[in-house]
C-alpha atoms as a PDB file:
ATOM      1  CA  UNK A   1      14.561  39.304   5.646  1.00  0.00           C
ATOM      2  CA  UNK A   2      17.022  41.059   3.327  1.00  0.00           C
ATOM      3  CA  UNK A   3      15.942  41.560  -0.259  1.00  0.00           C
ATOM      4  CA  UNK A   4      17.904  42.911  -3.195  1.00  0.00           C
ATOM      5  CA  UNK A   5      15.857  43.510  -6.342  1.00  0.00           C
ATOM      6  CA  UNK A   6      16.986  44.636  -9.774  1.00  0.00           C
ATOM      7  CA  UNK A   7      14.950  45.034 -12.967  1.00  0.00           C
ATOM      8  CA  UNK A   8      16.519  42.805 -15.620  1.00  0.00           C
ATOM      9  CA  UNK A   9      15.918  41.729 -19.177  1.00  0.00           C
ATOM     10  CA  UNK A  10      18.305  38.775 -18.909  1.00  0.00           C
ATOM     11  CA  UNK A  11      18.228  35.755 -16.607  1.00  0.00           C
ATOM     12  CA  UNK A  12      17.317  36.352 -12.972  1.00  0.00           C
ATOM     13  CA  UNK A  13      18.330  33.975 -10.195  1.00  0.00           C
ATOM     14  CA  UNK A  14      16.529  34.098  -6.862  1.00  0.00           C
ATOM     15  CA  UNK A  15      18.392  32.700  -3.871  1.00  0.00           C
ATOM     16  CA  UNK A  16      16.396  31.903  -0.729  1.00  0.00           C
ATOM     17  CA  UNK A  17      17.598  30.536   2.577  1.00  0.00           C
ATOM     18  CA  UNK A  18      14.822  28.566   4.235  1.00  0.00           C
ATOM     19  CA  UNK A  19      14.862  26.703   7.510  1.00  0.00           C
ATOM     20  CA  UNK A  20      13.062  23.766   9.019  1.00  0.00           C
ATOM     21  CA  UNK A  21      13.881  21.161  11.664  1.00  0.00           C
ATOM     22  CA  UNK A  22      16.296  18.472  10.400  1.00  0.00           C
ATOM     23  CA  UNK A  23      13.812  15.696  11.255  1.00  0.00           C
ATOM     24  CA  UNK A  24      11.397  17.141   8.660  1.00  0.00           C
ATOM     25  CA  UNK A  25      13.750  16.782   5.683  1.00  0.00           C
ATOM     26  CA  UNK A  26      11.479  14.280   3.872  1.00  0.00           C
ATOM     27  CA  UNK A  27       8.636  16.812   3.914  1.00  0.00           C
ATOM     28  CA  UNK A  28      11.017  19.519   2.668  1.00  0.00           C
ATOM     29  CA  UNK A  29      12.176  17.412  -0.269  1.00  0.00           C
ATOM     30  CA  UNK A  30       8.550  16.658  -1.200  1.00  0.00           C
ATOM     31  CA  UNK A  31       7.616  20.338  -0.867  1.00  0.00           C
ATOM     32  CA  UNK A  32      10.583  21.507  -2.979  1.00  0.00           C
ATOM     33  CA  UNK A  33       9.804  18.897  -5.643  1.00  0.00           C
ATOM     34  CA  UNK A  34       6.175  20.076  -5.811  1.00  0.00           C
ATOM     35  CA  UNK A  35       7.311  23.695  -6.213  1.00  0.00           C
ATOM     36  CA  UNK A  36       9.699  22.748  -8.993  1.00  0.00           C
ATOM     37  CA  UNK A  37       6.948  20.831 -10.770  1.00  0.00           C
ATOM     38  CA  UNK A  38       4.692  23.891 -10.653  1.00  0.00           C
ATOM     39  CA  UNK A  39       7.416  26.369 -11.728  1.00  0.00           C
ATOM     40  CA  UNK A  40       8.452  24.200 -14.714  1.00  0.00           C
ATOM     41  CA  UNK A  41       5.086  24.937 -16.318  1.00  0.00           C
ATOM     42  CA  UNK A  42       5.814  28.678 -16.482  1.00  0.00           C
ATOM     43  CA  UNK A  43       7.307  30.247 -19.584  1.00  0.00           C
ATOM     44  CA  UNK A  44      10.867  31.424 -18.998  1.00  0.00           C
ATOM     45  CA  UNK A  45      11.640  28.890 -16.241  1.00  0.00           C
ATOM     46  CA  UNK A  46      15.323  27.899 -16.477  1.00  0.00           C
ATOM     47  CA  UNK A  47      15.813  25.662 -13.470  1.00  0.00           C
ATOM     48  CA  UNK A  48      15.891  25.246  -9.739  1.00  0.00           C
ATOM     49  CA  UNK A  49      18.101  23.629  -7.167  1.00  0.00           C
ATOM     50  CA  UNK A  50      18.863  23.315  -3.491  1.00  0.00           C
ATOM     51  CA  UNK A  51      21.734  22.468  -1.240  1.00  0.00           C
ATOM     52  CA  UNK A  52      21.892  21.708   2.452  1.00  0.00           C
ATOM     53  CA  UNK A  53      25.142  22.197   4.408  1.00  0.00           C
ATOM     54  CA  UNK A  54      24.701  18.873   6.256  1.00  0.00           C
ATOM     55  CA  UNK A  55      21.995  16.350   7.131  1.00  0.00           C
ATOM     56  CA  UNK A  56      21.737  17.870  10.605  1.00  0.00           C
ATOM     57  CA  UNK A  57      21.387  21.437   9.318  1.00  0.00           C
ATOM     58  CA  UNK A  58      18.095  23.276   9.502  1.00  0.00           C
ATOM     59  CA  UNK A  59      19.171  25.589   6.630  1.00  0.00           C
ATOM     60  CA  UNK A  60      18.249  24.867   3.033  1.00  0.00           C
ATOM     61  CA  UNK A  61      19.704  27.121   0.330  1.00  0.00           C
ATOM     62  CA  UNK A  62      17.384  27.208  -2.649  1.00  0.00           C
ATOM     63  CA  UNK A  63      17.652  28.776  -6.084  1.00  0.00           C
ATOM     64  CA  UNK A  64      15.307  29.266  -8.952  1.00  0.00           C
ATOM     65  CA  UNK A  65      16.078  30.936 -12.260  1.00  0.00           C
ATOM     66  CA  UNK A  66      13.932  32.540 -14.928  1.00  0.00           C
ATOM     67  CA  UNK A  67      14.839  33.933 -18.347  1.00  0.00           C
ATOM     68  CA  UNK A  68      13.897  37.498 -17.395  1.00  0.00           C
ATOM     69  CA  UNK A  69      12.179  39.634 -14.786  1.00  0.00           C
ATOM     70  CA  UNK A  70       8.779  39.463 -16.491  1.00  0.00           C
ATOM     71  CA  UNK A  71       8.807  35.639 -16.442  1.00  0.00           C
ATOM     72  CA  UNK A  72       9.935  35.631 -12.812  1.00  0.00           C
ATOM     73  CA  UNK A  73       7.193  38.074 -11.824  1.00  0.00           C
ATOM     74  CA  UNK A  74       4.527  35.916 -13.516  1.00  0.00           C
ATOM     75  CA  UNK A  75       5.684  32.942 -11.415  1.00  0.00           C
ATOM     76  CA  UNK A  76       5.949  34.953  -8.209  1.00  0.00           C
ATOM     77  CA  UNK A  77       2.465  36.470  -8.666  1.00  0.00           C
ATOM     78  CA  UNK A  78       0.814  33.183  -9.664  1.00  0.00           C
ATOM     79  CA  UNK A  79      -1.917  31.416  -7.765  1.00  0.00           C
ATOM     80  CA  UNK A  80       0.101  28.205  -8.106  1.00  0.00           C
ATOM     81  CA  UNK A  81       3.075  29.656  -6.232  1.00  0.00           C
ATOM     82  CA  UNK A  82       0.820  31.186  -3.573  1.00  0.00           C
ATOM     83  CA  UNK A  83      -0.844  27.787  -3.018  1.00  0.00           C
ATOM     84  CA  UNK A  84       2.568  26.099  -2.868  1.00  0.00           C
ATOM     85  CA  UNK A  85       3.950  28.594  -0.315  1.00  0.00           C
ATOM     86  CA  UNK A  86       0.762  28.401   1.768  1.00  0.00           C
ATOM     87  CA  UNK A  87       1.054  24.606   1.872  1.00  0.00           C
ATOM     88  CA  UNK A  88       4.237  24.951   3.972  1.00  0.00           C
ATOM     89  CA  UNK A  89       2.949  27.505   6.484  1.00  0.00           C
ATOM     90  CA  UNK A  90       4.061  26.497   9.949  1.00  0.00           C
ATOM     91  CA  UNK A  91       6.615  24.027   8.574  1.00  0.00           C
ATOM     92  CA  UNK A  92       9.104  26.014   6.480  1.00  0.00           C
ATOM     93  CA  UNK A  93      10.560  29.383   7.474  1.00  0.00           C
ATOM     94  CA  UNK A  94      12.258  31.912   5.213  1.00  0.00           C
ATOM     95  CA  UNK A  95      15.395  33.846   6.239  1.00  0.00           C
ATOM     96  CA  UNK A  96      16.820  35.690   3.239  1.00  0.00           C
ATOM     97  CA  UNK A  97      15.866  36.351  -0.358  1.00  0.00           C
ATOM     98  CA  UNK A  98      18.282  37.744  -2.951  1.00  0.00           C
ATOM     99  CA  UNK A  99      17.913  38.356  -6.673  1.00  0.00           C
ATOM    100  CA  UNK A 100      21.021  38.184  -8.822  1.00  0.00           C
ATOM    101  CA  UNK A 101      21.015  39.875 -12.198  1.00  0.00           C
ATOM    102  CA  UNK A 102      23.309  41.968 -14.306  1.00  0.00           C
ATOM    103  CA  UNK A 103      27.031  41.675 -14.754  1.00  0.00           C
ATOM    104  CA  UNK A 104      27.518  39.086 -12.010  1.00  0.00           C
ATOM    105  CA  UNK A 105      25.972  36.647 -14.498  1.00  0.00           C
ATOM    106  CA  UNK A 106      29.344  36.608 -16.254  1.00  0.00           C
ATOM    107  CA  UNK A 107      30.830  35.002 -13.191  1.00  0.00           C
ATOM    108  CA  UNK A 108      28.169  32.352 -12.577  1.00  0.00           C
ATOM    109  CA  UNK A 109      29.140  28.782 -13.291  1.00  0.00           C
ATOM    110  CA  UNK A 110      27.087  27.140 -16.070  1.00  0.00           C
ATOM    111  CA  UNK A 111      23.863  25.985 -14.485  1.00  0.00           C
ATOM    112  CA  UNK A 112      21.348  23.247 -14.978  1.00  0.00           C
ATOM    113  CA  UNK A 113      18.204  22.154 -13.208  1.00  0.00           C
ATOM    114  CA  UNK A 114      19.931  19.984 -10.621  1.00  0.00           C
ATOM    115  CA  UNK A 115      18.104  19.355  -7.369  1.00  0.00           C
ATOM    116  CA  UNK A 116      21.267  18.300  -5.529  1.00  0.00           C
ATOM    117  CA  UNK A 117      23.634  21.203  -6.225  1.00  0.00           C
ATOM    118  CA  UNK A 118      22.939  24.935  -6.142  1.00  0.00           C
ATOM    119  CA  UNK A 119      24.915  27.437  -8.205  1.00  0.00           C
ATOM    120  CA  UNK A 120      27.819  29.011  -6.332  1.00  0.00           C
ATOM    121  CA  UNK A 121      27.442  32.594  -5.143  1.00  0.00           C
ATOM    122  CA  UNK A 122      28.741  35.366  -7.371  1.00  0.00           C
ATOM    123  CA  UNK A 123      32.183  36.697  -6.480  1.00  0.00           C
ATOM    124  CA  UNK A 124      32.481  40.080  -4.744  1.00  0.00           C
ATOM    125  CA  UNK A 125      31.710  42.972  -7.068  1.00  0.00           C
ATOM    126  CA  UNK A 126      35.202  44.436  -6.653  1.00  0.00           C
ATOM    127  CA  UNK A 127      36.684  41.216  -8.081  1.00  0.00           C
ATOM    128  CA  UNK A 128      34.179  41.307 -10.945  1.00  0.00           C
ATOM    129  CA  UNK A 129      35.165  44.927 -11.647  1.00  0.00           C
ATOM    130  CA  UNK A 130      38.874  44.016 -11.688  1.00  0.00           C
ATOM    131  CA  UNK A 131      38.378  41.240 -14.246  1.00  0.00           C
ATOM    132  CA  UNK A 132      36.147  43.409 -16.431  1.00  0.00           C
ATOM    133  CA  UNK A 133      38.696  46.222 -16.335  1.00  0.00           C
ATOM    134  CA  UNK A 134      41.561  43.835 -17.172  1.00  0.00           C
ATOM    135  CA  UNK A 135      39.578  42.750 -20.240  1.00  0.00           C
ATOM    136  CA  UNK A 136      38.203  46.139 -21.258  1.00  0.00           C
ATOM    137  CA  UNK A 137      41.342  48.278 -20.915  1.00  0.00           C
ATOM    138  CA  UNK A 138      43.547  46.401 -23.430  1.00  0.00           C
ATOM    139  CA  UNK A 139      40.610  45.943 -25.801  1.00  0.00           C
ATOM    140  CA  UNK A 140      39.907  49.691 -25.724  1.00  0.00           C
ATOM    141  CA  UNK A 141      43.580  50.446 -26.389  1.00  0.00           C
ATOM    142  CA  UNK A 142      43.669  47.988 -29.276  1.00  0.00           C
ATOM    143  CA  UNK A 143      40.493  49.307 -30.882  1.00  0.00           C
ATOM    144  CA  UNK A 144      41.582  52.931 -30.432  1.00  0.00           C
ATOM    145  CA  UNK A 145      44.958  52.182 -31.983  1.00  0.00           C
ATOM    146  CA  UNK A 146      43.421  50.308 -34.928  1.00  0.00           C
ATOM    147  CA  UNK A 147      41.020  53.177 -35.561  1.00  0.00           C
ATOM    148  CA  UNK A 148      43.874  55.701 -35.403  1.00  0.00           C
ATOM    149  CA  UNK A 149      46.185  53.818 -37.796  1.00  0.00           C
ATOM    150  CA  UNK A 150      43.324  53.230 -40.246  1.00  0.00           C
ATOM    151  CA  UNK A 151      43.404  56.926 -41.076  1.00  0.00           C
ATOM    152  CA  UNK A 152      39.674  57.282 -40.499  1.00  0.00           C
ATOM    153  CA  UNK A 153      38.938  60.537 -38.695  1.00  0.00           C
ATOM    154  CA  UNK A 154      35.776  60.432 -36.614  1.00  0.00           C
ATOM    155  CA  UNK A 155      34.368  62.799 -34.041  1.00  0.00           C
ATOM    156  CA  UNK A 156      34.182  61.605 -30.443  1.00  0.00           C
ATOM    157  CA  UNK A 157      30.594  60.324 -30.647  1.00  0.00           C
ATOM    158  CA  UNK A 158      31.116  58.302 -33.841  1.00  0.00           C
ATOM    159  CA  UNK A 159      34.501  56.957 -32.634  1.00  0.00           C
ATOM    160  CA  UNK A 160      32.852  55.844 -29.358  1.00  0.00           C
ATOM    161  CA  UNK A 161      29.926  54.323 -31.270  1.00  0.00           C
ATOM    162  CA  UNK A 162      32.232  52.298 -33.539  1.00  0.00           C
ATOM    163  CA  UNK A 163      34.459  51.069 -30.722  1.00  0.00           C
ATOM    164  CA  UNK A 164      31.547  50.066 -28.482  1.00  0.00           C
ATOM    165  CA  UNK A 165      29.786  48.293 -31.364  1.00  0.00           C
ATOM    166  CA  UNK A 166      32.921  46.212 -31.880  1.00  0.00           C
ATOM    167  CA  UNK A 167      33.914  45.856 -28.205  1.00  0.00           C
ATOM    168  CA  UNK A 168      30.545  44.729 -26.818  1.00  0.00           C
ATOM    169  CA  UNK A 169      30.180  41.448 -28.730  1.00  0.00           C
ATOM    170  CA  UNK A 170      33.896  40.713 -28.278  1.00  0.00           C
ATOM    171  CA  UNK A 171      33.541  41.203 -24.512  1.00  0.00           C
ATOM    172  CA  UNK A 172      30.274  39.240 -24.254  1.00  0.00           C
ATOM    173  CA  UNK A 173      31.125  36.220 -26.396  1.00  0.00           C
ATOM    174  CA  UNK A 174      34.899  35.907 -26.256  1.00  0.00           C
ATOM    175  CA  UNK A 175      36.877  37.960 -23.787  1.00  0.00           C
ATOM    176  CA  UNK A 176      34.794  37.830 -20.577  1.00  0.00           C
ATOM    177  CA  UNK A 177      34.127  34.079 -20.778  1.00  0.00           C
ATOM    178  CA  UNK A 178      37.840  33.507 -21.416  1.00  0.00           C
ATOM    179  CA  UNK A 179      38.907  35.878 -18.601  1.00  0.00           C
ATOM    180  CA  UNK A 180      36.468  34.446 -16.058  1.00  0.00           C
ATOM    181  CA  UNK A 181      37.724  30.942 -16.808  1.00  0.00           C
ATOM    182  CA  UNK A 182      41.341  32.079 -16.295  1.00  0.00           C
ATOM    183  CA  UNK A 183      40.550  33.903 -13.037  1.00  0.00           C
ATOM    184  CA  UNK A 184      37.912  31.484 -11.695  1.00  0.00           C
ATOM    185  CA  UNK A 185      39.968  30.353  -8.731  1.00  0.00           C
ATOM    186  CA  UNK A 186      40.730  33.926  -7.634  1.00  0.00           C
ATOM    187  CA  UNK A 187      37.150  35.106  -8.252  1.00  0.00           C
ATOM    188  CA  UNK A 188      35.571  32.432  -6.087  1.00  0.00           C
ATOM    189  CA  UNK A 189      38.106  32.454  -3.207  1.00  0.00           C
END
């Protein structure tokens, strides 16, 4: 099993690949539905979903999402989850577990609690870095130029503080969402 864990204050998505014989799909759907019903009762739960490559596949790709690491950890340490996992012993196997947090969240498609469709995987980090740089470089030039022509003379620390205070909300709420929409095809292929 490969596990990637990151401490996060924002949303955390856990992706798990599980397997079970194709003839047991009705039991899997019932088991997944029971797990979702239990997780929904936990504070910070944002949704869950699953996708299966084909009806003959033994692989089930499952996701669940919580508002932050603390909420996720409460669910993962709960007696309810332990009972739910134990109820599938001998039926459902687990192959991989991955936690996605951090900047790749900019590149996630909008999600909802949809049991039929899982969120797409995040693009490669090098593509994420390219899009962030293409957004950040011109913004940094613009803010530096505006600060220079304003005639305000600031030392390096204050100049950096002012530009990052302006740049961060612009990047978060305007520029990165706009850039990821423009480069969505390239990011996900």
